[in-house]
Each structure stands twice: as structure tokens, then as C-alpha cells.
Amino acid sequence: QWTSRVPARSGRVAARIEGVPAGTYAVQAIHDENANMDLDRSFLGLPLEGIGFSNDAPMRLGPPSFGDAALAVAEPGIATRLKLRYF
């Protein structure tokens, strides 16, 4: 598991993750508004903080499938875009 932390701000934010070997991965990003290093959820299990996935994979009745969010990493410099969604 690889992680990156960047300060939140309005507009576009870029995070860089180094040292990821070639393979197929999915990226999850959260806006950890209270800095507790966890995605807070409501009693129904809905995210209380912003969340997004690689390929901007849609969330329907839960997180997207791995296939929808899959990102092939073959060389350094691969990029994906996503939007944080707030419920």
C-alpha cells in the first residue's frame, strides 16, 4: 500500500506517489477534513468526507469495482484524474 498526503485547497490538487512497481492498481483519495487518517462514515455507511477513485470511477451503491478504477502502471509518470465527491 502506497500513500501520499497533500494539503487540501480549492481547485486542482496534485499528489505524487513514488516507488510503485509496474502492475495494475486502483487509487482512492479522501479529503480527511478532521485529519484523523480515516474516512469517516455516517451510521448508514455513507462517506462524511470527500472521496474519489482513479479513472473518476463512479460510485453507485458503494465503491466502484476494481475494474472500473483500475490503472495500469508500466512506467514512472502515469497519471489519473479524479473528482472528490461529497454526500
C-alpha atoms as a PDB file:
ATOM      1  CA  GLN A   1       0.000   0.000   0.000  1.00  0.00           C
ATOM      2  CA  TRP A   2       1.359   3.389  -1.005  1.00  0.00           C
ATOM      3  CA  THR A   3       0.128   6.709   0.326  1.00  0.00           C
ATOM      4  CA  SER A   4       0.634  10.390  -0.269  1.00  0.00           C
ATOM      5  CA  ARG A   5      -0.585  13.413   1.665  1.00  0.00           C
ATOM      6  CA  VAL A   6      -1.088  16.886   0.263  1.00  0.00           C
ATOM      7  CA  PRO A   7      -2.755  19.930   1.825  1.00  0.00           C
ATOM      8  CA  ALA A   8      -6.365  20.459   0.766  1.00  0.00           C
ATOM      9  CA  ARG A   9      -7.244  23.556  -1.190  1.00  0.00           C
ATOM     10  CA  SER A  10      -9.921  24.590  -3.611  1.00  0.00           C
ATOM     11  CA  GLY A  11      -9.397  23.788  -7.277  1.00  0.00           C
ATOM     12  CA  ARG A  12      -6.963  21.190  -8.570  1.00  0.00           C
ATOM     13  CA  VAL A  13      -4.582  19.368  -6.267  1.00  0.00           C
ATOM     14  CA  ALA A  14      -1.812  17.008  -7.412  1.00  0.00           C
ATOM     15  CA  ALA A  15      -0.411  14.159  -5.344  1.00  0.00           C
ATOM     16  CA  ARG A  16       2.659  12.174  -6.353  1.00  0.00           C
ATOM     17  CA  ILE A  17       3.334   8.597  -5.259  1.00  0.00           C
ATOM     18  CA  GLU A  18       6.894   7.345  -5.747  1.00  0.00           C
ATOM     19  CA  GLY A  19       8.293   3.832  -5.993  1.00  0.00           C
ATOM     20  CA  VAL A  20       5.223   1.994  -7.271  1.00  0.00           C
ATOM     21  CA  PRO A  21       6.301  -1.097  -9.217  1.00  0.00           C
ATOM     22  CA  ALA A  22       4.703  -1.969 -12.565  1.00  0.00           C
ATOM     23  CA  GLY A  23       1.270  -3.520 -12.182  1.00  0.00           C
ATOM     24  CA  THR A  24      -2.430  -2.734 -12.098  1.00  0.00           C
ATOM     25  CA  TYR A  25      -3.732  -0.636  -9.227  1.00  0.00           C
ATOM     26  CA  ALA A  26      -6.709   1.457  -8.144  1.00  0.00           C
ATOM     27  CA  VAL A  27      -6.323   4.839  -6.456  1.00  0.00           C
ATOM     28  CA  GLN A  28      -8.593   6.094  -3.695  1.00  0.00           C
ATOM     29  CA  ALA A  29      -8.393   9.691  -2.497  1.00  0.00           C
ATOM     30  CA  ILE A  30     -10.148  11.165   0.513  1.00  0.00           C
ATOM     31  CA  HIS A  31     -10.467  14.649   1.934  1.00  0.00           C
ATOM     32  CA  ASP A  32      -9.634  13.881   5.549  1.00  0.00           C
ATOM     33  CA  GLU A  33     -11.292  17.011   6.895  1.00  0.00           C
ATOM     34  CA  ASN A  34     -10.619  16.230  10.564  1.00  0.00           C
ATOM     35  CA  ALA A  35      -7.101  14.770   9.992  1.00  0.00           C
ATOM     36  CA  ASN A  36      -7.865  11.508  11.795  1.00  0.00           C
ATOM     37  CA  MET A  37      -6.346   9.409   8.951  1.00  0.00           C
ATOM     38  CA  ASP A  38      -9.668   7.629   8.393  1.00  0.00           C
ATOM     39  CA  LEU A  39     -12.673   8.018   6.103  1.00  0.00           C
ATOM     40  CA  ASP A  40     -15.485   8.981   8.449  1.00  0.00           C
ATOM     41  CA  ARG A  41     -18.881   7.481   7.646  1.00  0.00           C
ATOM     42  CA  SER A  42     -22.461   8.064   8.711  1.00  0.00           C
ATOM     43  CA  PHE A  43     -24.432   5.437  10.597  1.00  0.00           C
ATOM     44  CA  LEU A  44     -25.669   4.272   7.149  1.00  0.00           C
ATOM     45  CA  GLY A  45     -22.092   3.836   5.917  1.00  0.00           C
ATOM     46  CA  LEU A  46     -22.102   6.859   3.610  1.00  0.00           C
ATOM     47  CA  PRO A  47     -18.864   8.860   3.493  1.00  0.00           C
ATOM     48  CA  LEU A  48     -18.934  12.051   5.564  1.00  0.00           C
ATOM     49  CA  GLU A  49     -15.805  13.345   3.813  1.00  0.00           C
ATOM     50  CA  GLY A  50     -14.950  13.754   0.142  1.00  0.00           C
ATOM     51  CA  ILE A  51     -13.917  10.568  -1.673  1.00  0.00           C
ATOM     52  CA  GLY A  52     -12.837   9.741  -5.229  1.00  0.00           C
ATOM     53  CA  PHE A  53     -11.304   6.909  -7.249  1.00  0.00           C
ATOM     54  CA  SER A  54      -8.915   6.600 -10.192  1.00  0.00           C
ATOM     55  CA  ASN A  55     -10.395   6.967 -13.674  1.00  0.00           C
ATOM     56  CA  ASP A  56     -13.052   9.043 -11.906  1.00  0.00           C
ATOM     57  CA  ALA A  57     -14.834   5.700 -11.456  1.00  0.00           C
ATOM     58  CA  PRO A  58     -18.446   6.228 -10.402  1.00  0.00           C
ATOM     59  CA  MET A  59     -19.818   5.182  -7.042  1.00  0.00           C
ATOM     60  CA  ARG A  60     -23.305   3.785  -7.122  1.00  0.00           C
ATOM     61  CA  LEU A  61     -24.355   1.708  -4.125  1.00  0.00           C
ATOM     62  CA  GLY A  62     -20.816   1.554  -2.771  1.00  0.00           C
ATOM     63  CA  PRO A  63     -17.280   1.914  -4.023  1.00  0.00           C
ATOM     64  CA  PRO A  64     -16.597   1.223  -7.709  1.00  0.00           C
ATOM     65  CA  SER A  65     -15.365  -2.144  -8.898  1.00  0.00           C
ATOM     66  CA  PHE A  66     -11.631  -2.636  -9.165  1.00  0.00           C
ATOM     67  CA  GLY A  67     -12.037  -2.922 -12.937  1.00  0.00           C
ATOM     68  CA  ASP A  68     -13.688   0.496 -13.183  1.00  0.00           C
ATOM     69  CA  ALA A  69     -10.916   2.141 -11.169  1.00  0.00           C
ATOM     70  CA  ALA A  70      -8.002   0.017 -12.492  1.00  0.00           C
ATOM     71  CA  LEU A  71      -4.930   1.902 -13.613  1.00  0.00           C
ATOM     72  CA  ALA A  72      -2.053   0.139 -15.390  1.00  0.00           C
ATOM     73  CA  VAL A  73       1.337   1.349 -14.189  1.00  0.00           C
ATOM     74  CA  ALA A  74       4.029   0.393 -16.688  1.00  0.00           C
ATOM     75  CA  GLU A  75       6.484   3.244 -16.183  1.00  0.00           C
ATOM     76  CA  PRO A  76       7.023   6.269 -13.943  1.00  0.00           C
ATOM     77  CA  GLY A  77       4.872   9.286 -14.658  1.00  0.00           C
ATOM     78  CA  ILE A  78       1.493   7.586 -15.099  1.00  0.00           C
ATOM     79  CA  ALA A  79      -1.348   9.912 -14.106  1.00  0.00           C
ATOM     80  CA  THR A  80      -5.039   9.640 -13.352  1.00  0.00           C
ATOM     81  CA  ARG A  81      -7.682  12.270 -12.647  1.00  0.00           C
ATOM     82  CA  LEU A  82     -10.493  12.041 -10.184  1.00  0.00           C
ATOM     83  CA  LYS A  83     -13.088  14.244  -8.558  1.00  0.00           C
ATOM     84  CA  LEU A  84     -13.812  14.133  -4.888  1.00  0.00           C
ATOM     85  CA  ARG A  85     -17.484  13.542  -4.253  1.00  0.00           C
ATOM     86  CA  TYR A  86     -19.294  14.695  -1.158  1.00  0.00           C
ATOM     87  CA  PHE A  87     -22.524  13.029   0.016  1.00  0.00           C
END
